[in-house]
Protein backbone atom coordinates (compact mmCIF):
# COMPACT_ATOMS: atom_id res chain seq x y z
CA MET A 1 -95.00 19.24 7.97
CA ASN A 2 -94.68 17.07 4.86
CA ARG A 3 -98.30 16.61 3.81
CA ASN A 4 -97.48 13.61 1.65
CA THR A 5 -96.14 11.54 4.55
CA GLU A 6 -97.58 13.12 7.70
CA ARG A 7 -100.84 14.05 9.32
CA ALA A 8 -100.68 15.73 12.72
CA VAL A 9 -103.43 15.60 15.34
CA ALA A 10 -102.87 17.75 18.42
CA SER A 11 -105.01 17.53 21.54
CA GLY A 12 -103.85 19.51 24.55
CA ALA A 13 -100.62 17.95 25.74
CA THR A 14 -100.63 15.18 23.13
CA LEU A 15 -99.44 15.13 19.52
CA LEU A 16 -100.11 12.24 17.14
CA LEU A 17 -98.10 12.20 13.94
CA GLY A 18 -99.63 9.75 11.50
CA ASN A 19 -99.04 8.29 8.07
CA PRO A 20 -101.93 9.38 5.79
CA ALA A 21 -102.06 5.84 4.37
CA TYR A 22 -103.43 4.71 7.77
CA PRO A 23 -106.28 7.18 8.51
CA ALA A 24 -108.00 5.03 11.15
CA VAL A 25 -105.03 5.10 13.53
CA THR A 26 -105.68 6.99 16.76
CA GLY A 27 -103.52 7.69 19.79
CA GLU A 28 -105.02 4.64 21.53
CA TRP A 29 -103.31 2.40 18.99
CA LEU A 30 -99.95 3.35 20.52
CA SER A 31 -100.81 1.84 23.90
CA PRO A 32 -100.31 -1.91 24.42
CA ALA A 33 -103.30 -1.87 26.79
CA PHE A 34 -105.54 -1.00 23.82
CA TRP A 35 -104.64 -4.34 22.20
CA GLY A 36 -104.93 -6.45 25.32
CA ASP A 37 -103.84 -10.06 24.91
CA SER A 38 -103.31 -9.59 21.18
CA ALA A 39 -100.19 -7.50 21.89
CA ARG A 40 -97.32 -10.01 21.89
CA PRO A 41 -94.00 -8.86 23.40
CA VAL A 42 -91.00 -8.80 21.08
CA ALA A 43 -88.41 -11.19 22.48
CA ALA A 44 -85.22 -10.29 20.60
CA GLY A 45 -83.08 -7.21 21.24
CA GLY A 46 -83.90 -3.89 22.82
CA ARG A 47 -84.88 -3.05 26.43
CA GLY A 48 -88.37 -4.49 26.29
CA GLY A 49 -91.24 -2.14 25.58
CA ALA A 50 -92.00 -3.49 22.08
CA TRP A 51 -94.95 -5.57 20.90
CA PHE A 52 -96.16 -7.32 17.78
CA ILE A 53 -99.82 -6.52 17.11
CA HIS A 54 -102.36 -7.44 14.46
CA SER A 55 -104.61 -4.67 13.21
CA ASP A 56 -107.09 -4.01 10.42
CA TYR A 57 -104.07 -2.77 8.48
CA GLY A 58 -102.16 -6.01 9.02
CA ASP A 59 -99.22 -6.77 11.30
CA LEU A 60 -97.56 -3.86 13.09
CA VAL A 61 -94.85 -3.27 15.67
CA LEU A 62 -95.48 -0.96 18.63
CA ARG A 63 -92.46 0.37 20.48
CA ARG A 64 -92.35 2.60 23.55
CA TYR A 65 -89.30 4.77 24.16
CA LEU A 66 -87.51 3.53 27.26
CA ARG A 67 -84.26 4.54 28.89
CA GLY A 68 -81.42 2.20 29.69
CA GLY A 69 -78.47 2.35 32.03
CA LEU A 70 -78.29 4.21 35.33
CA VAL A 71 -80.66 6.99 34.27
CA ALA A 72 -83.47 4.42 33.94
CA ARG A 73 -83.48 4.12 37.75
CA LEU A 74 -84.72 7.69 37.92
CA SER A 75 -87.09 7.72 34.95
CA ARG A 76 -87.40 4.73 32.65
CA ALA A 77 -90.08 6.01 30.29
CA SER A 78 -89.97 9.83 30.33
CA TYR A 79 -87.71 12.41 28.73
CA VAL A 80 -87.08 16.14 29.05
CA PHE A 81 -89.53 18.10 26.90
CA THR A 82 -88.03 20.92 24.82
CA GLY A 83 -90.68 21.09 22.10
CA PHE A 84 -92.57 18.54 20.03
CA ARG A 85 -90.22 18.89 17.07
CA ARG A 86 -87.30 17.70 19.21
CA THR A 87 -89.00 14.62 20.63
CA ARG A 88 -87.49 11.24 19.81
CA ALA A 89 -90.63 9.71 18.34
CA LEU A 90 -91.24 12.50 15.84
CA ALA A 91 -87.56 12.58 14.87
CA GLU A 92 -87.53 8.83 14.19
CA PHE A 93 -90.82 8.97 12.26
CA ARG A 94 -89.45 11.67 9.97
CA LEU A 95 -86.06 10.00 9.57
CA LEU A 96 -87.75 6.77 8.47
CA ASN A 97 -89.74 8.64 5.85
CA ARG A 98 -86.58 10.27 4.55
CA LEU A 99 -84.73 6.95 4.36
CA ARG A 100 -87.66 5.42 2.47
CA GLU A 101 -87.50 8.33 0.02
CA LEU A 102 -83.87 7.30 -0.55
CA ASP A 103 -85.04 3.71 -1.31
CA LEU A 104 -83.25 2.27 1.70
CA PRO A 105 -84.66 -0.88 3.36
CA VAL A 106 -86.37 0.38 6.51
CA PRO A 107 -89.83 -0.24 7.99
CA GLU A 108 -92.72 1.99 7.04
CA PRO A 109 -93.72 4.34 9.89
CA VAL A 110 -97.43 4.27 10.73
CA ALA A 111 -97.68 6.75 13.62
CA ALA A 112 -95.76 8.45 16.43
CA LEU A 113 -97.29 9.66 19.68
CA VAL A 114 -95.88 12.19 22.16
CA SER A 115 -97.67 12.84 25.47
CA ARG A 116 -96.46 15.59 27.77
CA GLN A 117 -96.13 14.75 31.46
CA GLY A 118 -96.42 18.05 33.28
CA LEU A 119 -94.34 21.00 32.09
CA PHE A 120 -90.95 19.41 31.55
CA ARG A 121 -91.34 15.71 30.69
CA TYR A 122 -92.87 13.59 27.95
CA ARG A 123 -93.48 9.96 27.01
CA ALA A 124 -93.50 8.62 23.47
CA ALA A 125 -94.20 5.62 21.29
CA ILE A 126 -93.93 4.73 17.62
CA LEU A 127 -95.95 2.33 15.46
CA LEU A 128 -94.35 0.64 12.45
CA ARG A 129 -95.37 -1.72 9.70
CA ARG A 130 -94.03 -5.17 10.55
CA ILE A 131 -91.66 -6.72 7.99
CA PRO A 132 -93.15 -10.12 7.05
CA ASN A 133 -91.14 -13.23 7.93
CA ALA A 134 -88.27 -11.17 9.36
CA ARG A 135 -85.77 -12.62 11.81
CA PRO A 136 -82.81 -10.94 13.52
CA LEU A 137 -79.49 -11.76 11.89
CA PRO A 138 -78.22 -14.04 14.72
CA GLU A 139 -81.32 -16.25 14.40
CA VAL A 140 -81.27 -17.06 10.69
CA ALA A 141 -80.60 -20.61 9.50
CA ASN A 142 -77.88 -19.55 7.05
CA LEU A 143 -75.91 -17.48 9.56
CA GLU A 144 -72.61 -19.04 8.41
CA ASP A 145 -73.16 -18.17 4.76
CA PRO A 146 -70.34 -15.80 3.68
CA GLN A 147 -72.53 -14.29 0.97
CA LEU A 148 -75.09 -13.24 3.58
CA TRP A 149 -72.41 -11.30 5.44
CA ARG A 150 -71.15 -9.68 2.25
CA GLN A 151 -74.72 -8.54 1.58
CA VAL A 152 -74.94 -7.11 5.09
CA GLY A 153 -71.76 -5.15 4.42
CA GLN A 154 -73.14 -3.84 1.13
CA MET A 155 -76.35 -2.75 2.84
CA LEU A 156 -74.49 -0.92 5.59
CA ARG A 157 -72.33 0.83 3.02
CA ALA A 158 -75.48 2.07 1.25
CA PHE A 159 -76.77 3.55 4.50
CA HIS A 160 -73.42 5.17 5.24
CA ASP A 161 -73.21 6.58 1.72
CA ALA A 162 -76.60 8.19 2.37
CA GLY A 163 -75.18 9.73 5.57
CA LEU A 164 -77.00 7.60 8.16
CA ASP A 165 -75.30 7.52 11.54
CA HIS A 166 -76.93 4.52 13.28
CA VAL A 167 -75.93 4.99 16.91
CA ASP A 168 -77.21 1.57 18.01
CA LEU A 169 -76.02 -0.65 15.19
CA ASN A 170 -76.22 -4.21 16.49
CA CYS A 171 -77.08 -7.69 15.25
CA ASP A 172 -80.70 -7.57 16.34
CA ASN A 173 -81.29 -4.37 14.35
CA ILE A 174 -80.38 -6.20 11.14
CA LEU A 175 -83.28 -8.31 9.91
CA VAL A 176 -83.40 -10.98 7.21
CA ALA A 177 -86.75 -11.59 5.50
CA ASP A 178 -87.17 -13.94 2.53
CA GLY A 179 -83.64 -13.24 1.34
CA SER A 180 -83.88 -9.47 1.79
CA LEU A 181 -82.06 -7.39 4.41
CA TRP A 182 -83.55 -4.59 6.51
CA LEU A 183 -82.26 -2.17 9.11
CA ILE A 184 -84.44 -1.12 12.07
CA ASP A 185 -84.52 0.96 15.28
CA PHE A 186 -83.50 4.52 14.41
CA ASP A 187 -84.00 6.16 17.80
CA ARG A 188 -81.42 8.99 18.18
CA CYS A 189 -80.02 8.28 14.71
CA ARG A 190 -79.48 11.06 12.19
CA LEU A 191 -78.35 11.91 8.70
CA ARG A 192 -74.94 13.53 8.37
CA ARG A 193 -73.01 15.05 5.56
CA THR A 194 -70.82 12.22 4.37
CA GLY A 195 -67.45 11.88 2.75
CA ALA A 196 -64.71 9.27 3.13
CA ILE A 197 -65.37 5.67 4.20
CA GLY A 198 -63.15 6.03 7.26
CA GLU A 199 -65.03 8.91 8.88
CA ALA A 200 -65.07 8.55 12.66
CA TRP A 201 -68.83 8.09 13.01
CA LYS A 202 -68.84 5.30 10.41
CA VAL A 203 -66.02 3.55 12.25
CA ARG A 204 -67.98 3.87 15.51
CA ASN A 205 -71.03 2.26 13.89
CA LEU A 206 -69.04 -0.70 12.62
CA THR A 207 -67.11 -1.10 15.88
CA ARG A 208 -70.37 -1.25 17.82
CA LEU A 209 -71.74 -3.84 15.41
CA LYS A 210 -68.58 -5.94 15.71
CA ARG A 211 -68.95 -6.05 19.50
CA SER A 212 -72.54 -7.18 19.05
CA VAL A 213 -71.50 -9.88 16.59
CA GLY A 214 -68.97 -11.19 19.11
CA LYS A 215 -71.67 -11.48 21.77
CA ARG A 216 -74.64 -12.69 19.73
CA CYS A 217 -72.90 -14.91 17.17
CA ARG A 218 -70.38 -16.61 19.41
CA ASP A 219 -71.72 -20.09 18.56
CA VAL A 220 -70.26 -19.74 15.06
CA ALA A 221 -66.79 -18.85 13.77
CA TRP A 222 -67.73 -15.22 13.35
CA SER A 223 -64.27 -13.71 12.74
CA PRO A 224 -64.03 -14.84 9.08
CA LEU A 225 -67.68 -13.89 8.61
CA TRP A 226 -66.84 -10.38 9.81
CA GLY A 227 -64.17 -10.33 7.13
CA ASN A 228 -66.86 -11.15 4.55
CA LEU A 229 -68.95 -8.25 5.88
CA LEU A 230 -66.03 -5.88 5.41
CA GLN A 231 -65.47 -7.22 1.88
CA GLY A 232 -69.05 -6.32 1.04
CA TYR A 233 -68.76 -2.93 2.74
CA HIS A 234 -65.66 -1.98 0.73
CA SER A 235 -66.79 -3.43 -2.59
């Protein structure tokens, strides 16, 4: 455990990994029921299971880990347990801390909670600092600004140069806040050893994003804007 960025509280089948800067956070904070009507569902992106909340520490985002696709019919909110270190919430919490150490624009992790369900399953949630005034890329007023797209490309290149493989790179995971850009949602993402720009995993990231742009930004002439993104990426 990194004592500068983590505090772990274990209780039977539950493990809470917390940011020492937020000592009052308990496992209850990672349940939307704890916040009642003050937990406001996040509308944009994802599969549901995310809420904006206001706490004594300010505005936070609570996200439960949920499955998508056909497997969700069998178990939408639980995963196979193979050890706390391998759980998705703890992996994302630690990846966020590492990316922040690299000065990359990602949210600050507040806590991650893993609760075992019997011998072989677990449920998980993560709590993040909310980025003030942030909006998903498709919802910004200056969406047709070529410079904005060049800046997105430059940001993505910085993440790729650091080795980040973002397996769910889409428009709603790129936020714009007061002229600054942020990347969010790092479930199942990882850091790789990195080399050339054209590595297969980097191409996959960009291809996935391009599909998302075509779906979410279809009310604008997005093809030339994608060209501006690539200009920024290769600059």
